[in-house]
Amino acid sequence: MNKWNLKMSATLTPARLLMGFLDYYSYYFNVSLFGIDVSNDGSFFEHSSPETNFVILDPLNYQNNTTKNSFLTHEIIKSFRKAFNSLKNLLLQYQQMQQPNITDNLLDVILERNQDYPQEEELLQPPPQQ
């Protein structure tokens, strides 16, 4: 059930995909009603079990829910919502600063803005000897 009929598009940048993912899974996806089928082009399906956690079908065994042992679903959804709202607020701040192309380069802006955090190369370096 892919009722959104999504197609590839040049305007689907990584930033837009990330924001769409976070928005959808934090505000619209209902884990108690729908599951995810990673085969069949990544479609959703209605499940009949009263489930409070994610249901993601095993593509090799449709009777197996690969996430049946997960128990932090609601914390994950809260984290998605927090990330979405933080990024959205950051986007609004930059748009108010008259930077119209920020939507296309949101991930770049986030990475640039957080330069005071250790970069990946710095994290891989051994600690200085005392």
N, C-alpha and C. Protein backbone atom coordinates (compact mmCIF):
# COMPACT_ATOMS: atom_id res chain seq x y z
N MET A 1 0.85 -1.17 0.00
CA MET A 1 0.00 0.00 0.00
C MET A 1 0.90 1.24 0.00
N ASN A 2 1.30 1.69 -1.14
CA ASN A 2 2.08 2.89 -1.27
C ASN A 2 1.16 3.97 -1.82
N LYS A 3 0.31 4.51 -0.95
CA LYS A 3 -0.70 5.45 -1.41
C LYS A 3 -0.13 6.82 -1.78
N TRP A 4 1.15 7.04 -1.46
CA TRP A 4 1.77 8.32 -1.79
C TRP A 4 2.38 8.30 -3.18
N ASN A 5 2.54 7.12 -3.77
CA ASN A 5 3.05 6.98 -5.13
C ASN A 5 4.32 7.81 -5.34
N LEU A 6 5.29 7.63 -4.47
CA LEU A 6 6.53 8.41 -4.51
C LEU A 6 7.37 8.03 -5.72
N LYS A 7 7.96 9.02 -6.32
CA LYS A 7 8.84 8.84 -7.48
C LYS A 7 10.14 9.55 -7.21
N MET A 8 11.20 9.12 -7.87
CA MET A 8 12.48 9.80 -7.74
C MET A 8 12.38 11.18 -8.37
N SER A 9 13.07 12.14 -7.77
CA SER A 9 13.02 13.50 -8.25
C SER A 9 14.34 14.18 -7.93
N ALA A 10 14.76 15.08 -8.79
CA ALA A 10 16.00 15.82 -8.56
C ALA A 10 15.88 16.74 -7.36
N THR A 11 14.67 17.09 -6.96
CA THR A 11 14.50 17.98 -5.81
C THR A 11 14.51 17.22 -4.48
N LEU A 12 14.58 15.90 -4.53
CA LEU A 12 14.65 15.12 -3.30
C LEU A 12 16.10 15.04 -2.84
N THR A 13 16.54 16.07 -2.17
CA THR A 13 17.90 16.11 -1.64
C THR A 13 17.95 15.29 -0.36
N PRO A 14 19.15 14.93 0.11
CA PRO A 14 19.24 14.21 1.38
C PRO A 14 18.56 14.95 2.53
N ALA A 15 18.66 16.27 2.55
CA ALA A 15 18.02 17.05 3.62
C ALA A 15 16.50 16.91 3.56
N ARG A 16 15.93 17.00 2.37
CA ARG A 16 14.47 16.87 2.24
C ARG A 16 14.01 15.46 2.59
N LEU A 17 14.79 14.46 2.18
CA LEU A 17 14.44 13.08 2.52
C LEU A 17 14.49 12.86 4.03
N LEU A 18 15.53 13.39 4.67
CA LEU A 18 15.64 13.24 6.12
C LEU A 18 14.46 13.91 6.82
N MET A 19 14.14 15.14 6.43
CA MET A 19 13.04 15.85 7.07
C MET A 19 11.71 15.13 6.83
N GLY A 20 11.51 14.62 5.62
CA GLY A 20 10.29 13.88 5.33
C GLY A 20 10.19 12.61 6.15
N PHE A 21 11.32 11.90 6.28
CA PHE A 21 11.36 10.68 7.08
C PHE A 21 11.00 10.98 8.54
N LEU A 22 11.68 11.97 9.12
CA LEU A 22 11.45 12.31 10.52
C LEU A 22 10.01 12.80 10.75
N ASP A 23 9.52 13.62 9.84
CA ASP A 23 8.15 14.13 9.95
C ASP A 23 7.14 12.99 9.89
N TYR A 24 7.29 12.14 8.90
CA TYR A 24 6.31 11.06 8.71
C TYR A 24 6.31 10.09 9.90
N TYR A 25 7.49 9.60 10.29
CA TYR A 25 7.53 8.59 11.34
C TYR A 25 7.28 9.15 12.73
N SER A 26 7.44 10.46 12.92
CA SER A 26 7.16 11.00 14.24
C SER A 26 5.74 11.51 14.40
N TYR A 27 5.07 11.87 13.29
CA TYR A 27 3.73 12.45 13.41
C TYR A 27 2.61 11.67 12.72
N TYR A 28 2.92 10.88 11.71
CA TYR A 28 1.85 10.28 10.92
C TYR A 28 1.80 8.75 10.96
N PHE A 29 2.92 8.10 11.04
CA PHE A 29 2.94 6.64 11.02
C PHE A 29 2.37 6.11 12.33
N ASN A 30 1.40 5.22 12.24
CA ASN A 30 0.75 4.65 13.42
C ASN A 30 1.18 3.19 13.56
N VAL A 31 2.07 2.92 14.52
CA VAL A 31 2.62 1.57 14.68
C VAL A 31 1.56 0.57 15.08
N SER A 32 0.48 1.02 15.69
CA SER A 32 -0.56 0.08 16.11
C SER A 32 -1.46 -0.35 14.94
N LEU A 33 -1.36 0.35 13.81
CA LEU A 33 -2.20 0.00 12.66
C LEU A 33 -1.42 -0.52 11.46
N PHE A 34 -0.20 -0.02 11.27
CA PHE A 34 0.55 -0.33 10.05
C PHE A 34 1.89 -0.95 10.34
N GLY A 35 2.31 -1.80 9.42
CA GLY A 35 3.64 -2.39 9.45
C GLY A 35 4.36 -2.02 8.17
N ILE A 36 5.63 -2.39 8.11
CA ILE A 36 6.47 -2.07 6.96
C ILE A 36 6.92 -3.37 6.31
N ASP A 37 6.75 -3.45 5.01
CA ASP A 37 7.21 -4.58 4.22
C ASP A 37 8.38 -4.09 3.38
N VAL A 38 9.61 -4.47 3.74
CA VAL A 38 10.79 -3.96 3.03
C VAL A 38 10.93 -4.55 1.63
N SER A 39 10.31 -5.69 1.40
CA SER A 39 10.24 -6.19 0.03
C SER A 39 9.06 -5.46 -0.61
N ASN A 40 8.70 -5.76 -1.81
CA ASN A 40 7.54 -5.12 -2.43
C ASN A 40 7.70 -3.59 -2.48
N ASP A 41 8.89 -3.13 -2.83
CA ASP A 41 9.19 -1.70 -2.96
C ASP A 41 8.97 -0.89 -1.69
N GLY A 42 9.13 -1.52 -0.54
CA GLY A 42 9.04 -0.79 0.71
C GLY A 42 7.65 -0.28 1.03
N SER A 43 6.66 -1.12 0.92
CA SER A 43 5.28 -0.67 1.13
C SER A 43 4.86 -0.84 2.59
N PHE A 44 3.73 -0.25 2.92
CA PHE A 44 3.12 -0.40 4.22
C PHE A 44 1.96 -1.38 4.10
N PHE A 45 1.61 -2.00 5.21
CA PHE A 45 0.46 -2.89 5.22
C PHE A 45 -0.27 -2.73 6.55
N GLU A 46 -1.55 -2.98 6.52
CA GLU A 46 -2.34 -2.96 7.75
C GLU A 46 -2.18 -4.30 8.43
N HIS A 47 -1.89 -4.27 9.72
CA HIS A 47 -1.81 -5.53 10.45
C HIS A 47 -2.94 -5.60 11.47
N SER A 48 -3.32 -6.79 11.78
CA SER A 48 -4.49 -6.97 12.65
C SER A 48 -4.12 -7.15 14.11
N SER A 49 -2.84 -7.40 14.40
CA SER A 49 -2.46 -7.61 15.79
C SER A 49 -2.40 -6.27 16.53
N PRO A 50 -2.80 -6.26 17.78
CA PRO A 50 -2.73 -5.01 18.57
C PRO A 50 -1.27 -4.77 19.00
N GLU A 51 -0.50 -4.22 18.13
CA GLU A 51 0.93 -4.05 18.34
C GLU A 51 1.24 -2.62 18.77
N THR A 52 2.13 -2.46 19.73
CA THR A 52 2.54 -1.14 20.17
C THR A 52 3.97 -0.82 19.73
N ASN A 53 4.61 -1.75 19.05
CA ASN A 53 5.96 -1.56 18.55
C ASN A 53 5.97 -1.69 17.04
N PHE A 54 7.08 -1.32 16.45
CA PHE A 54 7.21 -1.43 14.99
C PHE A 54 7.01 -2.87 14.54
N VAL A 55 6.42 -3.02 13.37
CA VAL A 55 6.31 -4.33 12.72
C VAL A 55 6.99 -4.18 11.37
N ILE A 56 8.11 -4.87 11.20
CA ILE A 56 8.83 -4.87 9.93
C ILE A 56 8.99 -6.32 9.51
N LEU A 57 8.36 -6.66 8.39
CA LEU A 57 8.37 -8.05 7.93
C LEU A 57 9.75 -8.47 7.43
N ASP A 58 10.10 -9.69 7.77
CA ASP A 58 11.31 -10.32 7.25
C ASP A 58 11.07 -10.62 5.77
N PRO A 59 11.90 -10.10 4.85
CA PRO A 59 11.65 -10.34 3.42
C PRO A 59 11.80 -11.81 3.01
N LEU A 60 12.45 -12.61 3.84
CA LEU A 60 12.61 -14.03 3.51
C LEU A 60 11.58 -14.92 4.18
N ASN A 61 10.92 -14.40 5.21
CA ASN A 61 9.91 -15.15 5.94
C ASN A 61 8.83 -14.17 6.40
N TYR A 62 7.76 -14.05 5.65
CA TYR A 62 6.70 -13.08 5.93
C TYR A 62 5.99 -13.31 7.26
N GLN A 63 6.18 -14.47 7.87
CA GLN A 63 5.56 -14.73 9.17
C GLN A 63 6.40 -14.16 10.31
N ASN A 64 7.62 -13.69 9.99
CA ASN A 64 8.53 -13.21 11.01
C ASN A 64 8.56 -11.68 11.05
N ASN A 65 8.31 -11.12 12.20
CA ASN A 65 8.44 -9.69 12.43
C ASN A 65 9.86 -9.46 12.93
N THR A 66 10.69 -8.82 12.12
CA THR A 66 12.10 -8.64 12.48
C THR A 66 12.29 -7.73 13.70
N THR A 67 11.27 -6.98 14.06
CA THR A 67 11.38 -6.07 15.20
C THR A 67 10.57 -6.54 16.40
N LYS A 68 10.25 -7.81 16.45
CA LYS A 68 9.38 -8.31 17.52
C LYS A 68 9.99 -8.15 18.92
N ASN A 69 11.30 -8.07 19.01
CA ASN A 69 11.93 -7.91 20.32
C ASN A 69 12.22 -6.45 20.67
N SER A 70 11.81 -5.55 19.82
CA SER A 70 12.03 -4.13 20.13
C SER A 70 11.05 -3.70 21.21
N PHE A 71 11.48 -2.78 22.05
CA PHE A 71 10.60 -2.32 23.11
C PHE A 71 10.72 -0.82 23.34
N LEU A 72 11.53 -0.12 22.59
CA LEU A 72 11.71 1.31 22.77
C LEU A 72 11.08 2.12 21.64
N THR A 73 10.06 1.58 21.04
CA THR A 73 9.43 2.23 19.89
C THR A 73 8.99 3.65 20.21
N HIS A 74 8.35 3.86 21.32
CA HIS A 74 7.84 5.19 21.63
C HIS A 74 8.98 6.17 21.92
N GLU A 75 10.09 5.69 22.48
CA GLU A 75 11.25 6.55 22.69
C GLU A 75 11.88 6.92 21.36
N ILE A 76 11.91 5.96 20.43
CA ILE A 76 12.44 6.23 19.09
C ILE A 76 11.60 7.29 18.40
N ILE A 77 10.28 7.14 18.48
CA ILE A 77 9.38 8.11 17.86
C ILE A 77 9.56 9.49 18.49
N LYS A 78 9.73 9.54 19.81
CA LYS A 78 9.97 10.83 20.49
C LYS A 78 11.29 11.44 20.00
N SER A 79 12.31 10.61 19.81
CA SER A 79 13.60 11.11 19.31
C SER A 79 13.47 11.64 17.90
N PHE A 80 12.71 10.93 17.05
CA PHE A 80 12.46 11.42 15.69
C PHE A 80 11.76 12.78 15.74
N ARG A 81 10.76 12.90 16.61
CA ARG A 81 10.00 14.14 16.73
C ARG A 81 10.90 15.28 17.21
N LYS A 82 11.74 14.99 18.20
CA LYS A 82 12.64 16.01 18.72
C LYS A 82 13.63 16.45 17.63
N ALA A 83 14.18 15.49 16.89
CA ALA A 83 15.11 15.83 15.81
C ALA A 83 14.42 16.65 14.73
N PHE A 84 13.21 16.25 14.35
CA PHE A 84 12.47 16.98 13.33
C PHE A 84 12.21 18.42 13.77
N ASN A 85 11.73 18.59 14.99
CA ASN A 85 11.42 19.94 15.48
C ASN A 85 12.68 20.79 15.61
N SER A 86 13.78 20.20 16.05
CA SER A 86 15.04 20.95 16.16
C SER A 86 15.51 21.40 14.79
N LEU A 87 15.47 20.49 13.82
CA LEU A 87 15.90 20.84 12.46
C LEU A 87 14.96 21.87 11.83
N LYS A 88 13.67 21.72 12.09
CA LYS A 88 12.70 22.67 11.54
C LYS A 88 12.93 24.06 12.12
N ASN A 89 13.19 24.13 13.42
CA ASN A 89 13.47 25.42 14.05
C ASN A 89 14.75 26.03 13.50
N LEU A 90 15.76 25.19 13.29
CA LEU A 90 17.01 25.68 12.70
C LEU A 90 16.76 26.21 11.29
N LEU A 91 15.96 25.50 10.53
CA LEU A 91 15.61 25.93 9.18
C LEU A 91 14.90 27.28 9.21
N LEU A 92 13.94 27.44 10.12
CA LEU A 92 13.21 28.71 10.23
C LEU A 92 14.15 29.85 10.61
N GLN A 93 15.09 29.58 11.50
CA GLN A 93 16.07 30.61 11.88
C GLN A 93 16.87 31.07 10.66
N TYR A 94 17.32 30.12 9.87
CA TYR A 94 18.11 30.48 8.70
C TYR A 94 17.26 31.18 7.63
N GLN A 95 16.01 30.76 7.49
CA GLN A 95 15.15 31.43 6.52
C GLN A 95 14.89 32.87 6.93
N GLN A 96 14.79 33.13 8.22
CA GLN A 96 14.60 34.49 8.69
C GLN A 96 15.84 35.35 8.45
N MET A 97 16.98 34.68 8.28
CA MET A 97 18.23 35.40 7.99
C MET A 97 18.38 35.62 6.48
N GLN A 98 17.29 35.45 5.73
CA GLN A 98 17.26 35.68 4.27
C GLN A 98 18.19 34.75 3.51
N GLN A 99 18.19 33.48 3.85
CA GLN A 99 18.97 32.50 3.11
C GLN A 99 17.99 31.52 2.47
N PRO A 100 17.49 31.83 1.27
CA PRO A 100 16.41 31.05 0.67
C PRO A 100 16.78 29.63 0.27
N ASN A 101 18.03 29.33 0.00
CA ASN A 101 18.40 28.00 -0.47
C ASN A 101 18.73 27.05 0.67
N ILE A 102 18.46 27.43 1.88
CA ILE A 102 18.84 26.62 3.02
C ILE A 102 18.14 25.26 3.01
N THR A 103 16.94 25.17 2.46
CA THR A 103 16.21 23.90 2.43
C THR A 103 17.00 22.84 1.68
N ASP A 104 17.65 23.23 0.61
CA ASP A 104 18.40 22.27 -0.19
C ASP A 104 19.71 21.86 0.46
N ASN A 105 20.23 22.69 1.34
CA ASN A 105 21.54 22.43 1.93
C ASN A 105 21.49 22.33 3.45
N LEU A 106 20.38 21.90 3.99
CA LEU A 106 20.19 21.87 5.43
C LEU A 106 21.25 21.03 6.13
N LEU A 107 21.57 19.87 5.60
CA LEU A 107 22.57 19.02 6.25
C LEU A 107 23.93 19.69 6.26
N ASP A 108 24.29 20.36 5.17
CA ASP A 108 25.56 21.08 5.14
C ASP A 108 25.60 22.17 6.19
N VAL A 109 24.52 22.88 6.34
CA VAL A 109 24.46 23.97 7.31
C VAL A 109 24.60 23.42 8.72
N ILE A 110 23.93 22.32 9.00
CA ILE A 110 24.01 21.72 10.33
C ILE A 110 25.44 21.32 10.63
N LEU A 111 26.09 20.69 9.67
CA LEU A 111 27.48 20.26 9.87
C LEU A 111 28.40 21.45 10.06
N GLU A 112 28.19 22.51 9.30
CA GLU A 112 29.01 23.71 9.45
C GLU A 112 28.75 24.39 10.78
N ARG A 113 27.51 24.44 11.19
CA ARG A 113 27.16 25.13 12.43
C ARG A 113 27.74 24.43 13.64
N ASN A 114 27.90 23.13 13.58
CA ASN A 114 28.40 22.37 14.72
C ASN A 114 29.89 22.08 14.60
N GLN A 115 30.65 23.03 14.10
CA GLN A 115 32.08 22.81 13.95
C GLN A 115 32.80 22.74 15.28
N ASP A 116 32.19 23.21 16.35
CA ASP A 116 32.85 23.13 17.64
C ASP A 116 32.81 21.72 18.23
N TYR A 117 32.04 20.82 17.62
CA TYR A 117 32.05 19.43 18.03
C TYR A 117 33.20 18.72 17.34
N PRO A 118 33.75 17.66 17.95
CA PRO A 118 34.87 16.95 17.31
C PRO A 118 34.45 16.37 15.97
N GLN A 119 35.31 16.52 14.99
CA GLN A 119 35.07 15.94 13.69
C GLN A 119 35.42 14.46 13.72
N GLU A 120 34.96 13.71 12.72
CA GLU A 120 35.18 12.27 12.69
C GLU A 120 36.66 11.93 12.77
N GLU A 121 37.51 12.68 12.04
CA GLU A 121 38.94 12.40 12.04
C GLU A 121 39.52 12.58 13.44
N GLU A 122 39.03 13.61 14.17
CA GLU A 122 39.51 13.86 15.52
C GLU A 122 39.11 12.73 16.47
N LEU A 123 37.94 12.16 16.24
CA LEU A 123 37.47 11.09 17.11
C LEU A 123 38.30 9.82 16.93
N LEU A 124 38.89 9.66 15.75
CA LEU A 124 39.68 8.46 15.46
C LEU A 124 41.12 8.56 15.95
N GLN A 125 41.55 9.76 16.33
CA GLN A 125 42.93 9.95 16.80
C GLN A 125 43.09 9.41 18.21
N PRO A 126 44.26 8.82 18.51
CA PRO A 126 44.48 8.35 19.89
C PRO A 126 44.58 9.55 20.83
N PRO A 127 44.20 9.38 22.09
CA PRO A 127 44.26 10.50 23.03
C PRO A 127 45.71 10.92 23.26
N PRO A 128 45.94 12.20 23.56
CA PRO A 128 47.31 12.65 23.80
C PRO A 128 47.88 12.00 25.05
N GLN A 129 49.16 11.67 24.97
CA GLN A 129 49.81 11.02 26.11
C GLN A 129 50.22 12.07 27.13
N GLN A 130 50.11 11.73 28.37
CA GLN A 130 50.39 12.67 29.44
C GLN A 130 51.78 12.47 29.99
